[in-house]
């Protein structure tokens, strides 16, 4: 691939009236098609999924780990145990059934994941930061359902902020496997799902190379340069020969997102590129 990719649709002018985190959530929401069954986690994945359901994918079926199928919350849940999920769900089932009947047999179309660290082959760490598992520098929340989501969903989307601390050359601990060591490693390991389709960040979008499975920067958000993307990555980042630019958020997307987050548009301060 070319070391000097061409950027399409570059935009100059005034700074945008949205933040980098808002752009990340909106880009993630756009990746969810109407009618899909989506296994949702709390945080940015939940924000993106609920935004998609309100804007362009009213038939999106949200499944939370707590066993709520088809939840339709009118505000963002605080946790997977938030009562609003059970109150608005089509059905509430046990956690064991959620995993054994829905997730592990491959009945979930899209799984949403985030993490503390990710490597060039989309493997994720949510367990420990530090060289020793028994005496880590930071102990993270742990695996939860993430390994099963990564292994069994038909597609996986990953949403996380892009920085040298999170996009690392080598994980301190492999919690959830993306493409293992690359190439056909995922198939060799026998995972049911296809693996991560995209990694969506506050910088842009990365997608796996069809052969090597290494993450490639394919899109940048408005105002972000390839140099900034590479500075935000802990390995030698490959860029697509022709870099795309993500579409700017629509007024509807911004308004619905801020309503979901309980943020009044007038309360926004300085926007980020």
C-alpha atoms as a PDB file:
ATOM      1  CA  UNK A   1       0.000   0.000   0.000  1.00  0.00           C
ATOM      2  CA  UNK A   2       1.114   3.525  -0.719  1.00  0.00           C
ATOM      3  CA  UNK A   3       2.858   5.400   2.063  1.00  0.00           C
ATOM      4  CA  UNK A   4       1.352   8.650   0.786  1.00  0.00           C
ATOM      5  CA  UNK A   5      -2.363   7.941   0.431  1.00  0.00           C
ATOM      6  CA  UNK A   6      -4.772  10.341  -1.184  1.00  0.00           C
ATOM      7  CA  UNK A   7      -7.487  11.803   1.070  1.00  0.00           C
ATOM      8  CA  UNK A   8     -10.887  12.113  -0.583  1.00  0.00           C
ATOM      9  CA  UNK A   9     -13.357  14.918   0.058  1.00  0.00           C
ATOM     10  CA  UNK A  10     -11.097  17.053   2.228  1.00  0.00           C
ATOM     11  CA  UNK A  11     -12.959  19.894   3.890  1.00  0.00           C
ATOM     12  CA  UNK A  12     -11.622  23.264   4.890  1.00  0.00           C
ATOM     13  CA  UNK A  13     -13.295  26.086   6.762  1.00  0.00           C
ATOM     14  CA  UNK A  14     -14.774  26.618  10.208  1.00  0.00           C
ATOM     15  CA  UNK A  15     -14.300  23.951  12.901  1.00  0.00           C
ATOM     16  CA  UNK A  16     -17.172  21.473  13.288  1.00  0.00           C
ATOM     17  CA  UNK A  17     -19.922  21.974  15.856  1.00  0.00           C
ATOM     18  CA  UNK A  18     -19.627  18.451  17.242  1.00  0.00           C
ATOM     19  CA  UNK A  19     -17.059  16.723  19.415  1.00  0.00           C
ATOM     20  CA  UNK A  20     -14.739  13.877  18.486  1.00  0.00           C
ATOM     21  CA  UNK A  21     -16.650  11.562  20.826  1.00  0.00           C
ATOM     22  CA  UNK A  22     -19.947  12.507  19.171  1.00  0.00           C
ATOM     23  CA  UNK A  23     -18.468  11.768  15.756  1.00  0.00           C
ATOM     24  CA  UNK A  24     -17.307   8.377  17.031  1.00  0.00           C
ATOM     25  CA  UNK A  25     -20.762   7.475  18.355  1.00  0.00           C
ATOM     26  CA  UNK A  26     -22.465   8.607  15.149  1.00  0.00           C
ATOM     27  CA  UNK A  27     -20.033   6.687  12.923  1.00  0.00           C
ATOM     28  CA  UNK A  28     -20.638   3.572  15.035  1.00  0.00           C
ATOM     29  CA  UNK A  29     -24.412   4.014  14.812  1.00  0.00           C
ATOM     30  CA  UNK A  30     -24.242   4.249  11.024  1.00  0.00           C
ATOM     31  CA  UNK A  31     -22.569   0.833  10.898  1.00  0.00           C
ATOM     32  CA  UNK A  32     -25.733  -0.825  12.295  1.00  0.00           C
ATOM     33  CA  UNK A  33     -28.280  -1.855   9.637  1.00  0.00           C
ATOM     34  CA  UNK A  34     -32.024  -1.898  10.190  1.00  0.00           C
ATOM     35  CA  UNK A  35     -33.370  -5.296  11.230  1.00  0.00           C
ATOM     36  CA  UNK A  36     -30.093  -6.635  12.619  1.00  0.00           C
ATOM     37  CA  UNK A  37     -29.862  -8.313  16.018  1.00  0.00           C
ATOM     38  CA  UNK A  38     -27.191  -6.497  18.027  1.00  0.00           C
ATOM     39  CA  UNK A  39     -25.563  -7.611  21.289  1.00  0.00           C
ATOM     40  CA  UNK A  40     -25.011  -4.355  23.149  1.00  0.00           C
ATOM     41  CA  UNK A  41     -22.690  -3.344  25.962  1.00  0.00           C
ATOM     42  CA  UNK A  42     -22.961  -0.329  28.229  1.00  0.00           C
ATOM     43  CA  UNK A  43     -21.125   2.869  27.284  1.00  0.00           C
ATOM     44  CA  UNK A  44     -20.381   3.903  23.708  1.00  0.00           C
ATOM     45  CA  UNK A  45     -21.837   0.686  22.202  1.00  0.00           C
ATOM     46  CA  UNK A  46     -25.173   1.319  23.943  1.00  0.00           C
ATOM     47  CA  UNK A  47     -25.150   4.964  22.877  1.00  0.00           C
ATOM     48  CA  UNK A  48     -24.476   4.052  19.243  1.00  0.00           C
ATOM     49  CA  UNK A  49     -27.077   1.277  19.139  1.00  0.00           C
ATOM     50  CA  UNK A  50     -29.827   3.425  20.642  1.00  0.00           C
ATOM     51  CA  UNK A  51     -28.918   6.286  18.307  1.00  0.00           C
ATOM     52  CA  UNK A  52     -29.163   3.972  15.290  1.00  0.00           C
ATOM     53  CA  UNK A  53     -32.570   2.678  16.395  1.00  0.00           C
ATOM     54  CA  UNK A  54     -33.916   6.230  16.674  1.00  0.00           C
ATOM     55  CA  UNK A  55     -32.446   7.646  13.458  1.00  0.00           C
ATOM     56  CA  UNK A  56     -32.238   5.060  10.679  1.00  0.00           C
ATOM     57  CA  UNK A  57     -32.741   1.539  12.060  1.00  0.00           C
ATOM     58  CA  UNK A  58     -36.100   1.340  13.890  1.00  0.00           C
ATOM     59  CA  UNK A  59     -36.108  -2.444  13.468  1.00  0.00           C
ATOM     60  CA  UNK A  60     -32.731  -2.908  15.165  1.00  0.00           C
ATOM     61  CA  UNK A  61     -33.108  -5.541  17.900  1.00  0.00           C
ATOM     62  CA  UNK A  62     -31.063  -4.717  21.001  1.00  0.00           C
ATOM     63  CA  UNK A  63     -29.938  -7.609  23.194  1.00  0.00           C
ATOM     64  CA  UNK A  64     -28.261  -6.791  26.495  1.00  0.00           C
ATOM     65  CA  UNK A  65     -26.176  -9.290  28.461  1.00  0.00           C
ATOM     66  CA  UNK A  66     -28.671  -9.259  31.329  1.00  0.00           C
ATOM     67  CA  UNK A  67     -31.163 -11.138  29.155  1.00  0.00           C
ATOM     68  CA  UNK A  68     -33.342  -8.345  27.775  1.00  0.00           C
ATOM     69  CA  UNK A  69     -34.311  -9.064  24.169  1.00  0.00           C
ATOM     70  CA  UNK A  70     -35.597  -6.232  22.010  1.00  0.00           C
ATOM     71  CA  UNK A  71     -35.092  -3.505  24.634  1.00  0.00           C
ATOM     72  CA  UNK A  72     -36.294  -0.036  23.595  1.00  0.00           C
ATOM     73  CA  UNK A  73     -35.089   2.329  26.328  1.00  0.00           C
ATOM     74  CA  UNK A  74     -36.157   5.974  26.149  1.00  0.00           C
ATOM     75  CA  UNK A  75     -32.874   7.007  27.772  1.00  0.00           C
ATOM     76  CA  UNK A  76     -29.429   5.476  27.963  1.00  0.00           C
ATOM     77  CA  UNK A  77     -29.288   2.710  30.600  1.00  0.00           C
ATOM     78  CA  UNK A  78     -26.828   3.091  33.454  1.00  0.00           C
ATOM     79  CA  UNK A  79     -25.957  -0.610  33.451  1.00  0.00           C
ATOM     80  CA  UNK A  80     -27.105  -3.923  31.977  1.00  0.00           C
ATOM     81  CA  UNK A  81     -29.276  -4.216  35.093  1.00  0.00           C
ATOM     82  CA  UNK A  82     -31.090  -0.912  34.544  1.00  0.00           C
ATOM     83  CA  UNK A  83     -34.835  -1.466  34.953  1.00  0.00           C
ATOM     84  CA  UNK A  84     -35.625   0.489  31.778  1.00  0.00           C
ATOM     85  CA  UNK A  85     -34.249  -2.417  29.737  1.00  0.00           C
ATOM     86  CA  UNK A  86     -36.597  -5.017  31.240  1.00  0.00           C
ATOM     87  CA  UNK A  87     -39.558  -2.610  31.166  1.00  0.00           C
ATOM     88  CA  UNK A  88     -39.210  -1.986  27.423  1.00  0.00           C
ATOM     89  CA  UNK A  89     -37.996  -5.425  26.246  1.00  0.00           C
ATOM     90  CA  UNK A  90     -39.960  -7.848  24.089  1.00  0.00           C
ATOM     91  CA  UNK A  91     -38.806 -10.633  26.415  1.00  0.00           C
ATOM     92  CA  UNK A  92     -36.591 -11.122  29.459  1.00  0.00           C
ATOM     93  CA  UNK A  93     -34.670 -14.390  29.703  1.00  0.00           C
ATOM     94  CA  UNK A  94     -31.897 -15.783  31.876  1.00  0.00           C
ATOM     95  CA  UNK A  95     -28.262 -14.903  31.309  1.00  0.00           C
ATOM     96  CA  UNK A  96     -27.404 -18.560  30.654  1.00  0.00           C
ATOM     97  CA  UNK A  97     -30.058 -18.733  27.930  1.00  0.00           C
ATOM     98  CA  UNK A  98     -28.795 -15.460  26.449  1.00  0.00           C
ATOM     99  CA  UNK A  99     -25.360 -16.969  25.953  1.00  0.00           C
ATOM    100  CA  UNK A 100     -26.170 -20.643  25.317  1.00  0.00           C
ATOM    101  CA  UNK A 101     -29.137 -20.181  22.969  1.00  0.00           C
ATOM    102  CA  UNK A 102     -28.606 -16.772  21.367  1.00  0.00           C
ATOM    103  CA  UNK A 103     -24.930 -15.869  21.389  1.00  0.00           C
ATOM    104  CA  UNK A 104     -22.834 -19.027  21.190  1.00  0.00           C
ATOM    105  CA  UNK A 105     -24.848 -20.737  18.391  1.00  0.00           C
ATOM    106  CA  UNK A 106     -24.359 -17.663  16.160  1.00  0.00           C
ATOM    107  CA  UNK A 107     -27.861 -16.160  16.340  1.00  0.00           C
ATOM    108  CA  UNK A 108     -26.540 -12.614  16.958  1.00  0.00           C
ATOM    109  CA  UNK A 109     -25.760 -10.581  13.841  1.00  0.00           C
ATOM    110  CA  UNK A 110     -23.512  -7.908  15.354  1.00  0.00           C
ATOM    111  CA  UNK A 111     -21.598  -7.697  18.610  1.00  0.00           C
ATOM    112  CA  UNK A 112     -20.313  -4.394  19.969  1.00  0.00           C
ATOM    113  CA  UNK A 113     -17.046  -4.359  21.916  1.00  0.00           C
ATOM    114  CA  UNK A 114     -14.729  -1.828  23.521  1.00  0.00           C
ATOM    115  CA  UNK A 115     -11.508  -2.267  25.454  1.00  0.00           C
ATOM    116  CA  UNK A 116      -8.579  -0.760  27.276  1.00  0.00           C
ATOM    117  CA  UNK A 117      -6.078  -1.979  24.676  1.00  0.00           C
ATOM    118  CA  UNK A 118      -6.236  -3.250  21.109  1.00  0.00           C
ATOM    119  CA  UNK A 119      -3.457  -4.536  18.855  1.00  0.00           C
ATOM    120  CA  UNK A 120      -2.941  -4.504  15.093  1.00  0.00           C
ATOM    121  CA  UNK A 121      -4.969  -7.722  14.679  1.00  0.00           C
ATOM    122  CA  UNK A 122      -7.965  -6.420  16.652  1.00  0.00           C
ATOM    123  CA  UNK A 123      -7.307  -8.519  19.749  1.00  0.00           C
ATOM    124  CA  UNK A 124      -8.615  -6.765  22.887  1.00  0.00           C
ATOM    125  CA  UNK A 125      -7.484  -6.465  26.498  1.00  0.00           C
ATOM    126  CA  UNK A 126      -9.994  -5.677  29.250  1.00  0.00           C
ATOM    127  CA  UNK A 127      -8.241  -7.600  32.041  1.00  0.00           C
ATOM    128  CA  UNK A 128      -4.969  -6.091  33.312  1.00  0.00           C
ATOM    129  CA  UNK A 129      -2.416  -3.405  32.458  1.00  0.00           C
ATOM    130  CA  UNK A 130       1.117  -4.346  33.427  1.00  0.00           C
ATOM    131  CA  UNK A 131       3.634  -7.120  32.886  1.00  0.00           C
ATOM    132  CA  UNK A 132       2.356  -9.408  35.664  1.00  0.00           C
ATOM    133  CA  UNK A 133      -1.174 -10.755  35.832  1.00  0.00           C
ATOM    134  CA  UNK A 134      -0.903 -11.438  39.566  1.00  0.00           C
ATOM    135  CA  UNK A 135       0.486  -7.968  40.314  1.00  0.00           C
ATOM    136  CA  UNK A 136      -0.755  -5.643  37.583  1.00  0.00           C
ATOM    137  CA  UNK A 137      -0.298  -1.918  37.441  1.00  0.00           C
ATOM    138  CA  UNK A 138      -4.046  -1.599  36.749  1.00  0.00           C
ATOM    139  CA  UNK A 139      -6.701  -4.272  37.154  1.00  0.00           C
ATOM    140  CA  UNK A 140      -9.533  -3.750  34.671  1.00  0.00           C
ATOM    141  CA  UNK A 141     -13.181  -4.937  34.842  1.00  0.00           C
ATOM    142  CA  UNK A 142     -12.320  -8.238  33.148  1.00  0.00           C
ATOM    143  CA  UNK A 143     -13.773 -10.346  30.364  1.00  0.00           C
ATOM    144  CA  UNK A 144     -17.502 -10.445  31.074  1.00  0.00           C
ATOM    145  CA  UNK A 145     -19.192 -11.697  27.922  1.00  0.00           C
ATOM    146  CA  UNK A 146     -16.627 -10.141  25.561  1.00  0.00           C
ATOM    147  CA  UNK A 147     -14.730 -13.354  24.622  1.00  0.00           C
ATOM    148  CA  UNK A 148     -17.985 -15.068  23.597  1.00  0.00           C
ATOM    149  CA  UNK A 149     -19.123 -11.981  21.684  1.00  0.00           C
ATOM    150  CA  UNK A 150     -15.791 -11.834  19.831  1.00  0.00           C
ATOM    151  CA  UNK A 151     -15.898 -15.541  19.066  1.00  0.00           C
ATOM    152  CA  UNK A 152     -19.525 -16.122  18.101  1.00  0.00           C
ATOM    153  CA  UNK A 153     -21.269 -13.033  16.699  1.00  0.00           C
ATOM    154  CA  UNK A 154     -21.531 -13.063  12.927  1.00  0.00           C
ATOM    155  CA  UNK A 155     -19.878  -9.635  12.819  1.00  0.00           C
ATOM    156  CA  UNK A 156     -18.106  -7.552  15.470  1.00  0.00           C
ATOM    157  CA  UNK A 157     -17.725  -3.792  15.718  1.00  0.00           C
ATOM    158  CA  UNK A 158     -15.181  -2.278  18.093  1.00  0.00           C
ATOM    159  CA  UNK A 159     -15.536   1.263  19.409  1.00  0.00           C
ATOM    160  CA  UNK A 160     -12.706   2.912  21.350  1.00  0.00           C
ATOM    161  CA  UNK A 161     -10.547   6.011  21.467  1.00  0.00           C
ATOM    162  CA  UNK A 162      -7.373   5.918  19.403  1.00  0.00           C
ATOM    163  CA  UNK A 163      -4.162   6.731  21.248  1.00  0.00           C
ATOM    164  CA  UNK A 164      -0.738   5.122  21.787  1.00  0.00           C
ATOM    165  CA  UNK A 165      -1.959   3.934  25.207  1.00  0.00           C
ATOM    166  CA  UNK A 166      -4.928   2.060  23.738  1.00  0.00           C
ATOM    167  CA  UNK A 167      -3.625   1.067  20.281  1.00  0.00           C
ATOM    168  CA  UNK A 168      -0.553  -0.889  21.347  1.00  0.00           C
ATOM    169  CA  UNK A 169       2.108  -2.998  19.667  1.00  0.00           C
ATOM    170  CA  UNK A 170       1.590  -5.829  22.168  1.00  0.00           C
ATOM    171  CA  UNK A 171      -1.303  -6.436  24.567  1.00  0.00           C
ATOM    172  CA  UNK A 172      -0.530  -6.906  28.247  1.00  0.00           C
ATOM    173  CA  UNK A 173      -3.248  -9.599  28.281  1.00  0.00           C
ATOM    174  CA  UNK A 174      -5.413 -11.066  25.506  1.00  0.00           C
ATOM    175  CA  UNK A 175      -8.997 -11.044  26.774  1.00  0.00           C
ATOM    176  CA  UNK A 176     -10.905 -11.324  23.479  1.00  0.00           C
ATOM    177  CA  UNK A 177      -9.477 -12.631  20.216  1.00  0.00           C
ATOM    178  CA  UNK A 178      -9.980 -10.631  17.047  1.00  0.00           C
ATOM    179  CA  UNK A 179      -7.751 -12.208  14.417  1.00  0.00           C
ATOM    180  CA  UNK A 180      -5.140 -13.781  16.703  1.00  0.00           C
ATOM    181  CA  UNK A 181      -1.757 -13.631  15.006  1.00  0.00           C
ATOM    182  CA  UNK A 182      -3.333 -12.610  11.711  1.00  0.00           C
ATOM    183  CA  UNK A 183      -3.981 -14.396   8.450  1.00  0.00           C
ATOM    184  CA  UNK A 184      -6.098 -17.530   8.892  1.00  0.00           C
ATOM    185  CA  UNK A 185      -5.413 -17.763  12.629  1.00  0.00           C
ATOM    186  CA  UNK A 186      -9.040 -17.133  13.552  1.00  0.00           C
ATOM    187  CA  UNK A 187     -10.239 -19.987  11.350  1.00  0.00           C
ATOM    188  CA  UNK A 188      -7.544 -22.252  12.807  1.00  0.00           C
ATOM    189  CA  UNK A 189      -8.844 -21.479  16.300  1.00  0.00           C
ATOM    190  CA  UNK A 190     -12.325 -22.576  15.240  1.00  0.00           C
ATOM    191  CA  UNK A 191     -14.322 -19.444  16.051  1.00  0.00           C
ATOM    192  CA  UNK A 192     -17.844 -19.342  14.664  1.00  0.00           C
ATOM    193  CA  UNK A 193     -18.087 -15.618  13.844  1.00  0.00           C
ATOM    194  CA  UNK A 194     -16.324 -13.731  11.071  1.00  0.00           C
ATOM    195  CA  UNK A 195     -14.434 -11.435  13.445  1.00  0.00           C
ATOM    196  CA  UNK A 196     -14.179  -7.645  13.732  1.00  0.00           C
ATOM    197  CA  UNK A 197     -15.551  -5.844  10.674  1.00  0.00           C
ATOM    198  CA  UNK A 198     -14.384  -2.376  11.735  1.00  0.00           C
ATOM    199  CA  UNK A 199     -12.770  -0.461  14.562  1.00  0.00           C
ATOM    200  CA  UNK A 200     -14.411   2.951  14.955  1.00  0.00           C
ATOM    201  CA  UNK A 201     -12.504   5.618  16.854  1.00  0.00           C
ATOM    202  CA  UNK A 202     -12.432   9.339  17.538  1.00  0.00           C
ATOM    203  CA  UNK A 203      -9.880   9.561  14.704  1.00  0.00           C
ATOM    204  CA  UNK A 204     -11.592   7.536  12.002  1.00  0.00           C
ATOM    205  CA  UNK A 205     -12.312   3.964  10.940  1.00  0.00           C
ATOM    206  CA  UNK A 206      -9.967   1.000  10.607  1.00  0.00           C
ATOM    207  CA  UNK A 207     -10.789  -2.229   8.771  1.00  0.00           C
ATOM    208  CA  UNK A 208      -8.909  -5.540   8.562  1.00  0.00           C
ATOM    209  CA  UNK A 209      -6.877  -6.306   5.472  1.00  0.00           C
ATOM    210  CA  UNK A 210      -8.625  -9.215   3.674  1.00  0.00           C
ATOM    211  CA  UNK A 211      -5.474 -11.358   3.677  1.00  0.00           C
ATOM    212  CA  UNK A 212      -3.225 -10.360   6.571  1.00  0.00           C
ATOM    213  CA  UNK A 213      -6.124  -9.229   8.847  1.00  0.00           C
ATOM    214  CA  UNK A 214      -3.984  -6.328  10.059  1.00  0.00           C
ATOM    215  CA  UNK A 215      -6.009  -3.205  10.802  1.00  0.00           C
ATOM    216  CA  UNK A 216      -5.786  -0.585   8.048  1.00  0.00           C
ATOM    217  CA  UNK A 217      -6.868   3.047   8.406  1.00  0.00           C
ATOM    218  CA  UNK A 218      -9.567   3.405   5.735  1.00  0.00           C
ATOM    219  CA  UNK A 219     -11.377   6.606   6.821  1.00  0.00           C
ATOM    220  CA  UNK A 220     -10.554   9.746   8.764  1.00  0.00           C
ATOM    221  CA  UNK A 221     -12.988  12.095  10.453  1.00  0.00           C
ATOM    222  CA  UNK A 222     -13.118  15.708   9.357  1.00  0.00           C
ATOM    223  CA  UNK A 223     -10.099  17.713  10.499  1.00  0.00           C
ATOM    224  CA  UNK A 224      -7.933  14.641  11.251  1.00  0.00           C
ATOM    225  CA  UNK A 225      -4.769  14.028   9.260  1.00  0.00           C
ATOM    226  CA  UNK A 226      -3.060  10.728   8.541  1.00  0.00           C
ATOM    227  CA  UNK A 227      -0.059  11.953  10.537  1.00  0.00           C
ATOM    228  CA  UNK A 228      -2.318  12.454  13.568  1.00  0.00           C
ATOM    229  CA  UNK A 229      -3.773   8.978  13.105  1.00  0.00           C
ATOM    230  CA  UNK A 230      -0.290   7.473  13.022  1.00  0.00           C
ATOM    231  CA  UNK A 231       0.749   9.477  16.086  1.00  0.00           C
ATOM    232  CA  UNK A 232      -2.289   8.015  17.872  1.00  0.00           C
ATOM    233  CA  UNK A 233      -1.265   4.429  17.078  1.00  0.00           C
ATOM    234  CA  UNK A 234       1.359   2.349  18.881  1.00  0.00           C
ATOM    235  CA  UNK A 235       2.423   0.407  15.802  1.00  0.00           C
ATOM    236  CA  UNK A 236       3.430   1.310  12.237  1.00  0.00           C
ATOM    237  CA  UNK A 237      -0.063   2.073  10.972  1.00  0.00           C
ATOM    238  CA  UNK A 238      -0.909   1.123   7.395  1.00  0.00           C
ATOM    239  CA  UNK A 239      -3.287   3.400   5.503  1.00  0.00           C
ATOM    240  CA  UNK A 240      -5.491   2.531   2.574  1.00  0.00           C
ATOM    241  CA  UNK A 241      -4.177   3.746  -0.781  1.00  0.00           C
ATOM    242  CA  UNK A 242      -7.178   6.061  -0.997  1.00  0.00           C
ATOM    243  CA  UNK A 243      -8.384   7.347   2.353  1.00  0.00           C
ATOM    244  CA  UNK A 244     -12.046   8.145   2.686  1.00  0.00           C
ATOM    245  CA  UNK A 245     -13.520  10.833   4.905  1.00  0.00           C
ATOM    246  CA  UNK A 246     -16.485   9.997   7.103  1.00  0.00           C
ATOM    247  CA  UNK A 247     -19.627  11.947   6.322  1.00  0.00           C
ATOM    248  CA  UNK A 248     -20.317  14.842   8.652  1.00  0.00           C
ATOM    249  CA  UNK A 249     -23.061  14.314  11.232  1.00  0.00           C
ATOM    250  CA  UNK A 250     -26.517  15.453  10.220  1.00  0.00           C
ATOM    251  CA  UNK A 251     -28.492  17.859  12.361  1.00  0.00           C
ATOM    252  CA  UNK A 252     -30.838  14.989  13.237  1.00  0.00           C
ATOM    253  CA  UNK A 253     -27.992  12.740  14.361  1.00  0.00           C
ATOM    254  CA  UNK A 254     -26.531  15.465  16.566  1.00  0.00           C
ATOM    255  CA  UNK A 255     -29.912  16.405  18.059  1.00  0.00           C
ATOM    256  CA  UNK A 256     -30.947  12.816  18.824  1.00  0.00           C
ATOM    257  CA  UNK A 257     -27.546  11.950  20.266  1.00  0.00           C
ATOM    258  CA  UNK A 258     -27.570  14.952  22.596  1.00  0.00           C
ATOM    259  CA  UNK A 259     -31.133  14.188  23.620  1.00  0.00           C
ATOM    260  CA  UNK A 260     -30.101  10.622  24.462  1.00  0.00           C
ATOM    261  CA  UNK A 261     -27.180  11.882  26.506  1.00  0.00           C
ATOM    262  CA  UNK A 262     -29.339  14.494  28.216  1.00  0.00           C
ATOM    263  CA  UNK A 263     -27.213  17.301  26.783  1.00  0.00           C
ATOM    264  CA  UNK A 264     -28.786  20.514  25.531  1.00  0.00           C
ATOM    265  CA  UNK A 265     -27.159  21.766  22.296  1.00  0.00           C
ATOM    266  CA  UNK A 266     -26.735  25.220  23.831  1.00  0.00           C
ATOM    267  CA  UNK A 267     -24.633  23.741  26.627  1.00  0.00           C
ATOM    268  CA  UNK A 268     -21.876  22.633  24.266  1.00  0.00           C
ATOM    269  CA  UNK A 269     -18.631  24.547  24.572  1.00  0.00           C
ATOM    270  CA  UNK A 270     -15.656  24.320  22.278  1.00  0.00           C
ATOM    271  CA  UNK A 271     -16.069  21.631  19.605  1.00  0.00           C
ATOM    272  CA  UNK A 272     -13.283  19.228  18.785  1.00  0.00           C
ATOM    273  CA  UNK A 273     -12.072  18.401  15.277  1.00  0.00           C
END
